[in-house]
């Protein structure tokens, strides 16, 4: 019997696209509704496929990071060792 990871290795871009569309619409291409379990498993497969095959910015739900200006920063993200002045408002 094939486990989840083996199944993911067999997914083609076409199958991925069909699963993603089914999750989005809540139904299979033939119009039959997805059960709750089918939707959950299909979503897990879509996310796992994206992690393995797509760059982060192309994955479902990706939100690009925003620069910040809190803590007196210039709007750029600083490294972990960079000193940041503390501004009290």
N, C-alpha and C. Protein backbone atom coordinates (compact mmCIF):
# COMPACT_ATOMS: atom_id res chain seq x y z
N UNK A 1 0.84 -1.19 0.00
CA UNK A 1 0.00 0.00 0.00
C UNK A 1 0.88 1.24 0.00
N UNK A 2 0.50 2.24 -0.77
CA UNK A 2 1.26 3.46 -0.94
C UNK A 2 0.99 4.41 0.22
N UNK A 3 2.05 4.99 0.81
CA UNK A 3 1.83 5.98 1.87
C UNK A 3 1.72 7.38 1.25
N UNK A 4 1.42 8.35 2.09
CA UNK A 4 1.15 9.71 1.63
C UNK A 4 2.34 10.29 0.87
N UNK A 5 3.56 10.11 1.38
CA UNK A 5 4.75 10.66 0.71
C UNK A 5 4.99 10.01 -0.64
N UNK A 6 4.75 8.71 -0.74
CA UNK A 6 4.89 8.04 -2.04
C UNK A 6 3.84 8.56 -3.02
N UNK A 7 2.65 8.79 -2.52
CA UNK A 7 1.60 9.34 -3.37
C UNK A 7 2.00 10.73 -3.88
N UNK A 8 2.55 11.56 -3.01
CA UNK A 8 2.98 12.90 -3.42
C UNK A 8 4.03 12.85 -4.52
N UNK A 9 4.90 11.85 -4.45
CA UNK A 9 5.95 11.71 -5.47
C UNK A 9 5.36 11.40 -6.84
N UNK A 10 4.15 10.86 -6.89
CA UNK A 10 3.53 10.52 -8.17
C UNK A 10 2.66 11.63 -8.74
N UNK A 11 2.42 12.70 -7.97
CA UNK A 11 1.56 13.78 -8.46
C UNK A 11 2.22 14.51 -9.62
N UNK A 12 1.45 14.69 -10.67
CA UNK A 12 1.90 15.47 -11.82
C UNK A 12 1.38 16.90 -11.65
N UNK A 13 1.94 17.85 -12.38
CA UNK A 13 1.40 19.21 -12.32
C UNK A 13 -0.10 19.26 -12.67
N UNK A 14 -0.55 18.41 -13.57
CA UNK A 14 -1.97 18.39 -13.94
C UNK A 14 -2.84 17.91 -12.79
N UNK A 15 -2.40 16.84 -12.13
CA UNK A 15 -3.16 16.32 -10.98
C UNK A 15 -3.18 17.35 -9.86
N UNK A 16 -2.03 17.99 -9.61
CA UNK A 16 -1.95 19.06 -8.60
C UNK A 16 -2.96 20.15 -8.92
N UNK A 17 -3.00 20.60 -10.18
CA UNK A 17 -3.93 21.67 -10.57
C UNK A 17 -5.38 21.24 -10.36
N UNK A 18 -5.69 19.98 -10.68
CA UNK A 18 -7.06 19.48 -10.48
C UNK A 18 -7.42 19.41 -9.00
N UNK A 19 -6.48 18.96 -8.17
CA UNK A 19 -6.74 18.92 -6.72
C UNK A 19 -6.96 20.32 -6.16
N UNK A 20 -6.11 21.24 -6.60
CA UNK A 20 -6.21 22.62 -6.11
C UNK A 20 -7.56 23.22 -6.50
N UNK A 21 -7.95 23.00 -7.72
CA UNK A 21 -9.25 23.52 -8.20
C UNK A 21 -10.40 22.88 -7.43
N UNK A 22 -10.31 21.57 -7.17
CA UNK A 22 -11.36 20.88 -6.42
C UNK A 22 -11.49 21.45 -5.01
N UNK A 23 -10.35 21.73 -4.37
CA UNK A 23 -10.38 22.32 -3.02
C UNK A 23 -11.01 23.71 -3.07
N UNK A 24 -10.62 24.49 -4.08
CA UNK A 24 -11.16 25.85 -4.21
C UNK A 24 -12.67 25.85 -4.40
N UNK A 25 -13.16 24.95 -5.26
CA UNK A 25 -14.58 24.95 -5.60
C UNK A 25 -15.43 24.05 -4.70
N UNK A 26 -14.76 23.11 -4.01
CA UNK A 26 -15.49 22.18 -3.16
C UNK A 26 -16.15 21.06 -3.94
N UNK A 27 -15.73 20.88 -5.19
CA UNK A 27 -16.30 19.79 -6.00
C UNK A 27 -15.27 19.29 -6.99
N UNK A 28 -15.46 18.05 -7.42
CA UNK A 28 -14.59 17.42 -8.40
C UNK A 28 -14.92 17.98 -9.79
N UNK A 29 -14.05 17.77 -10.76
CA UNK A 29 -14.32 18.28 -12.11
C UNK A 29 -15.65 17.79 -12.70
N UNK A 30 -16.13 16.62 -12.27
CA UNK A 30 -17.41 16.11 -12.79
C UNK A 30 -18.62 16.67 -12.03
N UNK A 31 -18.37 17.55 -11.06
CA UNK A 31 -19.46 18.20 -10.34
C UNK A 31 -19.82 17.59 -9.01
N UNK A 32 -19.30 16.38 -8.71
CA UNK A 32 -19.60 15.76 -7.42
C UNK A 32 -18.93 16.54 -6.29
N UNK A 33 -19.64 16.79 -5.20
CA UNK A 33 -19.02 17.53 -4.09
C UNK A 33 -17.96 16.70 -3.38
N UNK A 34 -16.93 17.37 -2.88
CA UNK A 34 -15.91 16.72 -2.06
C UNK A 34 -16.48 16.49 -0.67
N UNK A 35 -16.17 15.37 -0.09
CA UNK A 35 -16.51 15.16 1.31
C UNK A 35 -15.53 15.98 2.14
N UNK A 36 -15.85 16.14 3.39
CA UNK A 36 -14.95 16.88 4.28
C UNK A 36 -13.56 16.24 4.30
N UNK A 37 -13.52 14.91 4.39
CA UNK A 37 -12.24 14.19 4.42
C UNK A 37 -11.48 14.35 3.10
N UNK A 38 -12.19 14.28 1.97
CA UNK A 38 -11.54 14.47 0.67
C UNK A 38 -10.95 15.87 0.55
N UNK A 39 -11.68 16.84 1.04
CA UNK A 39 -11.19 18.22 0.97
C UNK A 39 -9.95 18.39 1.83
N UNK A 40 -9.96 17.82 3.04
CA UNK A 40 -8.80 17.93 3.93
C UNK A 40 -7.58 17.24 3.34
N UNK A 41 -7.76 16.02 2.83
CA UNK A 41 -6.63 15.29 2.25
C UNK A 41 -6.12 15.96 0.97
N UNK A 42 -7.04 16.47 0.17
CA UNK A 42 -6.63 17.16 -1.05
C UNK A 42 -5.85 18.43 -0.73
N UNK A 43 -6.29 19.17 0.27
CA UNK A 43 -5.59 20.37 0.68
C UNK A 43 -4.20 20.03 1.21
N UNK A 44 -4.09 18.97 1.99
CA UNK A 44 -2.78 18.54 2.48
C UNK A 44 -1.87 18.19 1.31
N UNK A 45 -2.40 17.51 0.30
CA UNK A 45 -1.61 17.14 -0.87
C UNK A 45 -1.18 18.38 -1.65
N UNK A 46 -2.07 19.34 -1.80
CA UNK A 46 -1.74 20.58 -2.52
C UNK A 46 -0.61 21.32 -1.80
N UNK A 47 -0.73 21.47 -0.49
CA UNK A 47 0.29 22.18 0.28
C UNK A 47 1.62 21.44 0.21
N UNK A 48 1.60 20.13 0.38
CA UNK A 48 2.84 19.35 0.33
C UNK A 48 3.48 19.42 -1.05
N UNK A 49 2.67 19.36 -2.10
CA UNK A 49 3.19 19.48 -3.47
C UNK A 49 3.86 20.83 -3.66
N UNK A 50 3.21 21.90 -3.20
CA UNK A 50 3.76 23.25 -3.36
C UNK A 50 5.08 23.41 -2.62
N UNK A 51 5.17 22.86 -1.41
CA UNK A 51 6.41 22.94 -0.63
C UNK A 51 7.55 22.26 -1.38
N UNK A 52 7.23 21.15 -2.01
CA UNK A 52 8.26 20.37 -2.70
C UNK A 52 8.64 20.94 -4.07
N UNK A 53 7.67 21.55 -4.78
CA UNK A 53 7.90 21.90 -6.18
C UNK A 53 7.84 23.39 -6.53
N UNK A 54 7.34 24.23 -5.65
CA UNK A 54 7.16 25.64 -5.99
C UNK A 54 7.98 26.54 -5.07
N UNK A 55 8.49 27.66 -5.61
CA UNK A 55 9.14 28.62 -4.72
C UNK A 55 8.10 29.22 -3.77
N UNK A 56 8.58 29.68 -2.64
CA UNK A 56 7.68 30.16 -1.59
C UNK A 56 6.66 31.18 -2.10
N UNK A 57 7.09 32.11 -2.94
CA UNK A 57 6.18 33.18 -3.38
C UNK A 57 5.08 32.70 -4.33
N UNK A 58 5.16 31.45 -4.81
CA UNK A 58 4.12 30.91 -5.69
C UNK A 58 3.17 29.96 -4.97
N UNK A 59 3.36 29.75 -3.68
CA UNK A 59 2.54 28.81 -2.93
C UNK A 59 1.21 29.44 -2.50
N UNK A 60 0.22 28.58 -2.32
CA UNK A 60 -1.09 29.04 -1.86
C UNK A 60 -0.97 29.73 -0.51
N UNK A 61 -1.65 30.84 -0.37
CA UNK A 61 -1.66 31.54 0.91
C UNK A 61 -0.45 32.40 1.19
N UNK A 62 0.48 32.49 0.23
CA UNK A 62 1.70 33.27 0.47
C UNK A 62 1.37 34.75 0.63
N UNK A 63 1.91 35.33 1.66
CA UNK A 63 1.79 36.77 1.89
C UNK A 63 3.21 37.32 1.94
N UNK A 64 3.55 38.22 1.03
CA UNK A 64 4.92 38.73 1.03
C UNK A 64 5.22 39.50 2.30
N UNK A 65 6.46 39.38 2.79
CA UNK A 65 6.81 40.12 4.01
C UNK A 65 6.82 41.62 3.72
N UNK A 66 6.44 42.37 4.71
CA UNK A 66 6.44 43.82 4.59
C UNK A 66 7.58 44.38 5.40
N UNK A 67 8.16 45.45 4.90
CA UNK A 67 9.18 46.12 5.69
C UNK A 67 8.49 46.80 6.86
N UNK A 68 9.25 47.13 7.85
CA UNK A 68 8.66 47.74 9.04
C UNK A 68 9.41 49.01 9.40
N UNK A 69 8.77 49.82 10.18
CA UNK A 69 9.41 51.05 10.64
C UNK A 69 9.32 51.18 12.16
N UNK A 70 8.88 50.11 12.84
CA UNK A 70 8.80 50.18 14.29
C UNK A 70 10.20 50.03 14.90
N UNK A 71 10.33 50.35 16.11
CA UNK A 71 11.60 50.28 16.85
C UNK A 71 12.67 51.17 16.25
N UNK A 72 12.24 52.21 15.55
CA UNK A 72 13.21 53.16 15.01
C UNK A 72 13.93 52.68 13.79
N UNK A 73 13.51 51.57 13.21
CA UNK A 73 14.16 51.05 12.02
C UNK A 73 13.91 51.94 10.82
N UNK A 74 14.70 51.77 9.79
CA UNK A 74 14.57 52.59 8.60
C UNK A 74 13.59 51.98 7.61
N UNK A 75 12.89 50.94 8.02
CA UNK A 75 11.97 50.28 7.11
C UNK A 75 12.56 49.01 6.54
N UNK A 76 13.81 48.76 6.79
CA UNK A 76 14.45 47.55 6.30
C UNK A 76 14.52 46.53 7.43
N UNK A 77 14.43 45.29 7.09
CA UNK A 77 14.58 44.25 8.09
C UNK A 77 16.06 44.13 8.43
N UNK A 78 16.38 44.17 9.68
CA UNK A 78 17.77 44.12 10.12
C UNK A 78 18.14 42.71 10.51
N UNK A 79 19.44 42.44 10.52
CA UNK A 79 19.93 41.14 10.94
C UNK A 79 19.75 40.97 12.43
N UNK A 80 19.92 39.75 12.93
CA UNK A 80 19.68 39.48 14.35
C UNK A 80 20.65 40.19 15.29
N UNK A 81 21.84 40.56 14.80
CA UNK A 81 22.82 41.21 15.65
C UNK A 81 22.85 42.73 15.49
N UNK A 82 22.01 43.26 14.62
CA UNK A 82 22.02 44.71 14.37
C UNK A 82 21.41 45.43 15.58
N UNK A 83 22.04 46.52 15.98
CA UNK A 83 21.51 47.32 17.09
C UNK A 83 20.38 48.18 16.57
N UNK A 84 19.32 48.24 17.34
CA UNK A 84 18.15 49.04 17.00
C UNK A 84 17.85 49.94 18.19
N UNK A 85 17.79 51.27 17.97
CA UNK A 85 17.41 52.14 19.08
C UNK A 85 15.96 51.89 19.46
N UNK A 86 15.68 52.01 20.73
CA UNK A 86 14.34 51.81 21.24
C UNK A 86 13.63 53.15 21.30
N UNK A 87 12.51 53.28 20.63
CA UNK A 87 11.72 54.51 20.63
C UNK A 87 10.47 54.28 21.44
N UNK A 88 10.24 55.11 22.47
CA UNK A 88 9.03 55.02 23.27
C UNK A 88 8.04 56.03 22.75
N UNK A 89 6.87 55.59 22.46
CA UNK A 89 5.83 56.50 21.93
C UNK A 89 4.79 56.74 22.98
